[in-house]
Amino acid sequence: MNPSWVVVAVLAATASAGLALGGCAAGKPPAWAAPTTQGYLAEGVLARLSAAAPPPPAPGSPTDRADKAASARMVALEDTDRWLLATSHAEVRPPLGLQHFDCALGVRLGSAETPGLDRLMARVFHDAQSVAERVKAQAARNRPVGDDPDRRPCQRLDAAGRRSPSYPSGTAGATAYAEVFALLEPERAAAVRRIGAAIGDSRVICAMHYPSDVRAGEDIGRAVVADIAALPAFQADLATARAELARARATGLTNPGCAAERAALATPLP
């Protein structure tokens, strides 16, 4: 086994309990929709953002054909370090999903020192996923693993999960995290946005989404944070989270998997 696989596998293990994404099991509510979580945005804003999202590419259109060709090329990455990192990226729910940004931020998140940050991100995630799910309910596009029953996902899936809709991607939440972290620490904005984009790439590598699904999810995540950013409640929570993040950095703790993450992310996409 490639030695770096071991460390990347440790990264993947943080998501092992939640690799079946919310909404993949028939008859169950999405796992992100925690009943105790309330977002920042009012119903009218969520409805406006949902209505603004474009429809998925038409079957057989140039974008659809390009999507399918790009997805097919990702088979070459199966069982590589980048595949294992994509497996870790399958868990995007807070607070575990925040740990994907450890290396870009230079801290170790997920500790008791950041409860305010966790609550803030849970509210942002709720709004981003709410918009994405509303759009998804109106779209009918198969996932790559639904179009090709022999395609390997890098997470547990049942038959209902393979049949669940692909557009838009749940990377709305990961992109929203990146945008909030960019507000928290502007000097690290480029680094955290690269991780948000890498999580989107991972969904294509995992055969869970096509590239245009991911782009639509990213657009939703950015639009949601743009609306949230001006809200006084969010600004107050942001100040609390910024102080917690500074205290977490002061501990000197970092993620031991950062070297493996850098190596995996250096893999060129086919």
Protein backbone atom coordinates (compact mmCIF):
# COMPACT_ATOMS: atom_id res chain seq x y z
CA MET A 1 0.00 0.00 0.00
CA ASN A 2 1.23 3.51 -0.81
CA PRO A 3 2.23 5.00 2.57
CA SER A 4 0.23 8.15 1.92
CA TRP A 5 -2.89 5.99 1.58
CA VAL A 6 -2.67 5.25 5.28
CA VAL A 7 -2.98 8.90 6.27
CA VAL A 8 -5.61 9.66 3.65
CA ALA A 9 -7.55 6.67 4.94
CA VAL A 10 -7.43 8.25 8.41
CA LEU A 11 -9.00 11.35 6.89
CA ALA A 12 -11.64 9.18 5.26
CA ALA A 13 -12.37 7.45 8.55
CA THR A 14 -13.77 10.66 10.01
CA ALA A 15 -16.67 10.24 7.60
CA SER A 16 -17.08 6.49 7.85
CA ALA A 17 -20.20 6.68 9.98
CA GLY A 18 -21.97 8.97 7.58
CA LEU A 19 -20.98 8.02 4.05
CA ALA A 20 -24.55 7.37 2.94
CA LEU A 21 -25.70 10.89 2.17
CA GLY A 22 -28.88 12.29 3.61
CA GLY A 23 -31.87 11.69 1.41
CA CYS A 24 -30.50 8.53 -0.21
CA ALA A 25 -32.65 6.12 1.73
CA ALA A 26 -36.26 5.86 0.64
CA GLY A 27 -38.81 7.19 3.10
CA LYS A 28 -36.28 8.97 5.32
CA PRO A 29 -35.81 12.74 5.68
CA PRO A 30 -32.47 14.18 4.53
CA ALA A 31 -29.83 13.69 7.21
CA TRP A 32 -28.90 17.38 7.08
CA ALA A 33 -32.41 18.42 8.08
CA ALA A 34 -31.93 18.34 11.83
CA PRO A 35 -35.27 19.37 13.37
CA THR A 36 -33.56 21.57 15.98
CA THR A 37 -31.61 23.55 13.37
CA GLN A 38 -32.99 26.81 12.04
CA GLY A 39 -31.24 28.79 9.35
CA TYR A 40 -30.72 32.53 9.02
CA LEU A 41 -32.87 33.16 5.97
CA ALA A 42 -36.60 33.80 5.89
CA GLU A 43 -38.92 31.63 3.83
CA GLY A 44 -39.35 34.28 1.16
CA VAL A 45 -35.60 34.53 0.62
CA LEU A 46 -35.21 30.76 0.38
CA ALA A 47 -38.02 30.67 -2.19
CA ARG A 48 -36.41 33.47 -4.21
CA LEU A 49 -33.03 31.78 -4.28
CA SER A 50 -34.61 28.48 -5.28
CA ALA A 51 -36.55 30.10 -8.12
CA ALA A 52 -33.40 31.78 -9.42
CA ALA A 53 -31.57 28.50 -10.00
CA PRO A 54 -31.45 27.36 -13.65
CA PRO A 55 -32.75 23.92 -14.70
CA PRO A 56 -30.32 21.04 -15.30
CA PRO A 57 -28.85 20.51 -18.77
CA ALA A 58 -31.24 18.93 -21.24
CA PRO A 59 -30.54 15.25 -21.99
CA GLY A 60 -28.27 14.96 -24.99
CA SER A 61 -27.33 18.65 -24.95
CA PRO A 62 -23.66 19.64 -25.38
CA THR A 63 -23.39 20.29 -21.64
CA ASP A 64 -24.95 16.94 -20.82
CA ARG A 65 -22.57 15.12 -23.17
CA ALA A 66 -19.58 16.98 -21.74
CA ASP A 67 -20.72 16.10 -18.21
CA LYS A 68 -20.94 12.41 -19.03
CA ALA A 69 -17.54 12.38 -20.70
CA ALA A 70 -15.92 14.13 -17.73
CA SER A 71 -17.57 11.72 -15.31
CA ALA A 72 -16.38 8.67 -17.27
CA ARG A 73 -12.78 9.91 -17.10
CA MET A 74 -12.92 9.88 -13.29
CA VAL A 75 -12.96 6.08 -13.27
CA ALA A 76 -9.18 6.31 -13.64
CA LEU A 77 -8.95 7.68 -10.07
CA GLU A 78 -10.71 4.77 -8.37
CA ASP A 79 -8.73 3.43 -5.38
CA THR A 80 -6.10 6.18 -5.60
CA ASP A 81 -5.25 8.64 -2.84
CA ARG A 82 -7.57 11.16 -4.46
CA TRP A 83 -10.40 8.61 -4.37
CA LEU A 84 -9.87 8.05 -0.65
CA LEU A 85 -9.90 11.79 -0.03
CA ALA A 86 -13.13 12.01 -2.01
CA THR A 87 -14.54 9.35 0.30
CA SER A 88 -13.75 11.60 3.26
CA HIS A 89 -15.36 14.55 1.49
CA ALA A 90 -18.64 12.63 1.26
CA GLU A 91 -19.43 13.77 4.81
CA VAL A 92 -20.29 17.47 4.62
CA ARG A 93 -22.67 17.84 7.55
CA PRO A 94 -21.52 19.99 10.47
CA PRO A 95 -19.48 19.70 12.57
CA LEU A 96 -17.52 16.89 10.85
CA GLY A 97 -17.71 18.58 7.46
CA LEU A 98 -15.88 21.61 8.84
CA GLN A 99 -12.76 19.51 9.41
CA HIS A 100 -12.14 19.41 5.66
CA PHE A 101 -10.93 23.00 6.08
CA ASP A 102 -8.44 22.26 8.88
CA CYS A 103 -5.37 22.35 6.66
CA ALA A 104 -6.38 25.47 4.75
CA LEU A 105 -7.02 27.24 8.07
CA GLY A 106 -4.01 25.86 9.92
CA VAL A 107 -6.11 24.71 12.89
CA ARG A 108 -7.73 21.57 14.28
CA LEU A 109 -11.49 22.04 14.26
CA GLY A 110 -14.14 19.86 15.86
CA SER A 111 -13.10 20.59 19.43
CA ALA A 112 -15.10 21.92 22.37
CA GLU A 113 -13.47 25.31 21.82
CA THR A 114 -15.64 26.22 18.80
CA PRO A 115 -19.32 25.72 19.72
CA GLY A 116 -20.31 29.10 18.30
CA LEU A 117 -18.61 28.33 15.00
CA ASP A 118 -20.38 24.97 14.86
CA ARG A 119 -23.78 26.59 15.45
CA LEU A 120 -23.14 29.30 12.87
CA MET A 121 -22.11 26.78 10.22
CA ALA A 122 -25.06 24.52 11.03
CA ARG A 123 -27.42 27.42 10.33
CA VAL A 124 -25.63 28.35 7.11
CA PHE A 125 -25.61 24.70 6.02
CA HIS A 126 -29.32 24.44 6.73
CA ASP A 127 -30.08 27.37 4.44
CA ALA A 128 -27.78 26.21 1.64
CA GLN A 129 -29.16 22.68 1.69
CA SER A 130 -32.74 23.93 1.94
CA VAL A 131 -32.33 25.85 -1.31
CA ALA A 132 -30.51 22.96 -3.01
CA GLU A 133 -33.20 20.46 -1.99
CA ARG A 134 -35.99 22.71 -3.26
CA VAL A 135 -34.28 22.94 -6.64
CA LYS A 136 -33.59 19.20 -6.61
CA ALA A 137 -37.29 18.48 -6.06
CA GLN A 138 -38.08 20.26 -9.34
CA ALA A 139 -35.27 18.69 -11.37
CA ALA A 140 -35.11 15.17 -12.74
CA ARG A 141 -31.57 14.19 -13.54
CA ASN A 142 -29.95 10.87 -12.78
CA ARG A 143 -26.71 10.57 -10.89
CA PRO A 144 -23.73 9.03 -12.72
CA VAL A 145 -24.22 5.93 -10.55
CA GLY A 146 -27.86 5.90 -11.67
CA ASP A 147 -27.04 6.21 -15.35
CA ASP A 148 -24.42 3.43 -15.06
CA PRO A 149 -25.41 0.67 -12.61
CA ASP A 150 -21.87 -0.73 -12.77
CA ARG A 151 -20.26 2.54 -11.70
CA ARG A 152 -18.63 2.43 -8.27
CA PRO A 153 -19.54 5.16 -5.79
CA CYS A 154 -17.07 5.87 -3.01
CA GLN A 155 -19.74 5.70 -0.32
CA ARG A 156 -22.46 3.31 0.78
CA LEU A 157 -25.54 3.49 -1.42
CA ASP A 158 -28.74 1.50 -1.63
CA ALA A 159 -30.94 1.26 -4.72
CA ALA A 160 -32.88 4.37 -3.71
CA GLY A 161 -29.64 6.29 -3.37
CA ARG A 162 -28.62 5.40 -6.90
CA ARG A 163 -31.99 6.60 -8.16
CA SER A 164 -31.98 9.86 -6.18
CA PRO A 165 -31.68 13.07 -8.21
CA SER A 166 -28.29 14.50 -9.04
CA TYR A 167 -29.02 18.17 -9.72
CA PRO A 168 -27.93 20.34 -8.00
CA SER A 169 -25.12 18.95 -5.89
CA GLY A 170 -25.08 19.17 -2.13
CA THR A 171 -21.77 21.00 -2.51
CA ALA A 172 -23.94 24.05 -1.85
CA GLY A 173 -23.15 23.45 1.82
CA ALA A 174 -19.40 23.01 1.34
CA THR A 175 -19.20 26.14 -0.81
CA ALA A 176 -21.16 28.05 1.83
CA TYR A 177 -18.64 26.91 4.46
CA ALA A 178 -15.80 28.17 2.28
CA GLU A 179 -17.46 31.56 1.83
CA VAL A 180 -18.02 31.93 5.58
CA PHE A 181 -14.44 30.93 6.37
CA ALA A 182 -13.32 33.53 3.80
CA LEU A 183 -15.30 36.13 5.76
CA LEU A 184 -13.81 34.92 9.03
CA GLU A 185 -10.23 35.00 7.76
CA PRO A 186 -9.91 36.99 4.52
CA GLU A 187 -6.18 36.31 4.31
CA ARG A 188 -6.99 32.61 3.86
CA ALA A 189 -9.89 33.16 1.46
CA ALA A 190 -8.15 31.63 -1.56
CA ALA A 191 -7.08 28.55 0.42
CA VAL A 192 -10.52 27.79 1.88
CA ARG A 193 -12.21 28.35 -1.48
CA ARG A 194 -9.80 25.85 -3.06
CA ILE A 195 -10.96 23.27 -0.53
CA GLY A 196 -14.59 24.07 -1.27
CA ALA A 197 -13.88 23.51 -4.97
CA ALA A 198 -11.99 20.29 -4.20
CA ILE A 199 -15.02 18.94 -2.34
CA GLY A 200 -17.03 19.63 -5.51
CA ASP A 201 -14.46 17.73 -7.57
CA SER A 202 -14.79 14.87 -5.10
CA ARG A 203 -18.48 14.52 -5.84
CA VAL A 204 -17.64 14.03 -9.51
CA ILE A 205 -14.86 11.58 -8.64
CA CYS A 206 -17.34 9.67 -6.46
CA ALA A 207 -19.77 9.38 -9.42
CA MET A 208 -22.43 11.04 -7.31
CA HIS A 209 -22.73 14.18 -9.44
CA TYR A 210 -21.87 15.56 -12.86
CA PRO A 211 -19.75 18.71 -13.17
CA SER A 212 -22.71 20.98 -13.97
CA ASP A 213 -24.54 19.63 -10.88
CA VAL A 214 -21.56 20.75 -8.82
CA ARG A 215 -21.40 24.17 -10.45
CA ALA A 216 -25.09 24.71 -9.71
CA GLY A 217 -24.57 23.71 -6.07
CA GLU A 218 -21.61 26.06 -5.77
CA ASP A 219 -23.66 28.93 -7.19
CA ILE A 220 -26.36 28.25 -4.61
CA GLY A 221 -23.85 28.18 -1.76
CA ARG A 222 -22.37 31.53 -2.78
CA ALA A 223 -25.78 33.13 -3.27
CA VAL A 224 -26.99 31.93 0.14
CA VAL A 225 -23.99 33.39 1.97
CA ALA A 226 -24.29 36.66 0.04
CA ASP A 227 -27.83 37.02 1.44
CA ILE A 228 -26.87 35.90 4.93
CA ALA A 229 -23.78 38.10 5.24
CA ALA A 230 -25.65 41.37 5.82
CA LEU A 231 -27.91 40.03 8.58
CA PRO A 232 -27.18 41.45 12.06
CA ALA A 233 -27.68 38.02 13.68
CA PHE A 234 -25.10 36.50 11.36
CA GLN A 235 -22.62 39.32 11.96
CA ALA A 236 -22.93 38.83 15.71
CA ASP A 237 -22.37 35.08 15.36
CA LEU A 238 -19.45 35.73 13.01
CA ALA A 239 -17.69 37.80 15.67
CA THR A 240 -18.09 34.98 18.19
CA ALA A 241 -16.81 32.40 15.69
CA ARG A 242 -13.82 34.57 14.79
CA ALA A 243 -12.76 34.74 18.43
CA GLU A 244 -13.18 30.96 18.83
CA LEU A 245 -11.14 30.31 15.71
CA ALA A 246 -8.33 32.50 17.05
CA ARG A 247 -8.35 30.59 20.34
CA ALA A 248 -8.29 27.26 18.51
CA ARG A 249 -5.27 28.41 16.50
CA ALA A 250 -3.52 29.52 19.67
CA THR A 251 -3.52 25.92 20.94
CA GLY A 252 -1.09 25.01 18.15
CA LEU A 253 -3.05 21.88 17.26
CA THR A 254 -3.15 20.98 13.55
CA ASN A 255 -4.53 18.12 11.49
CA PRO A 256 -1.96 15.31 11.11
CA GLY A 257 -3.36 14.45 7.67
CA CYS A 258 -2.39 17.71 5.96
CA ALA A 259 0.64 16.33 4.11
CA ALA A 260 -1.45 13.49 2.71
CA GLU A 261 -4.22 15.92 1.75
CA ARG A 262 -1.73 18.08 -0.16
CA ALA A 263 -0.39 15.04 -2.00
CA ALA A 264 -3.88 13.81 -2.90
CA LEU A 265 -5.02 17.23 -4.11
CA ALA A 266 -1.92 17.49 -6.30
CA THR A 267 -3.26 14.60 -8.39
CA PRO A 268 -4.31 15.99 -11.78
CA LEU A 269 -7.93 15.31 -12.65
CA PRO A 270 -8.26 13.23 -15.84
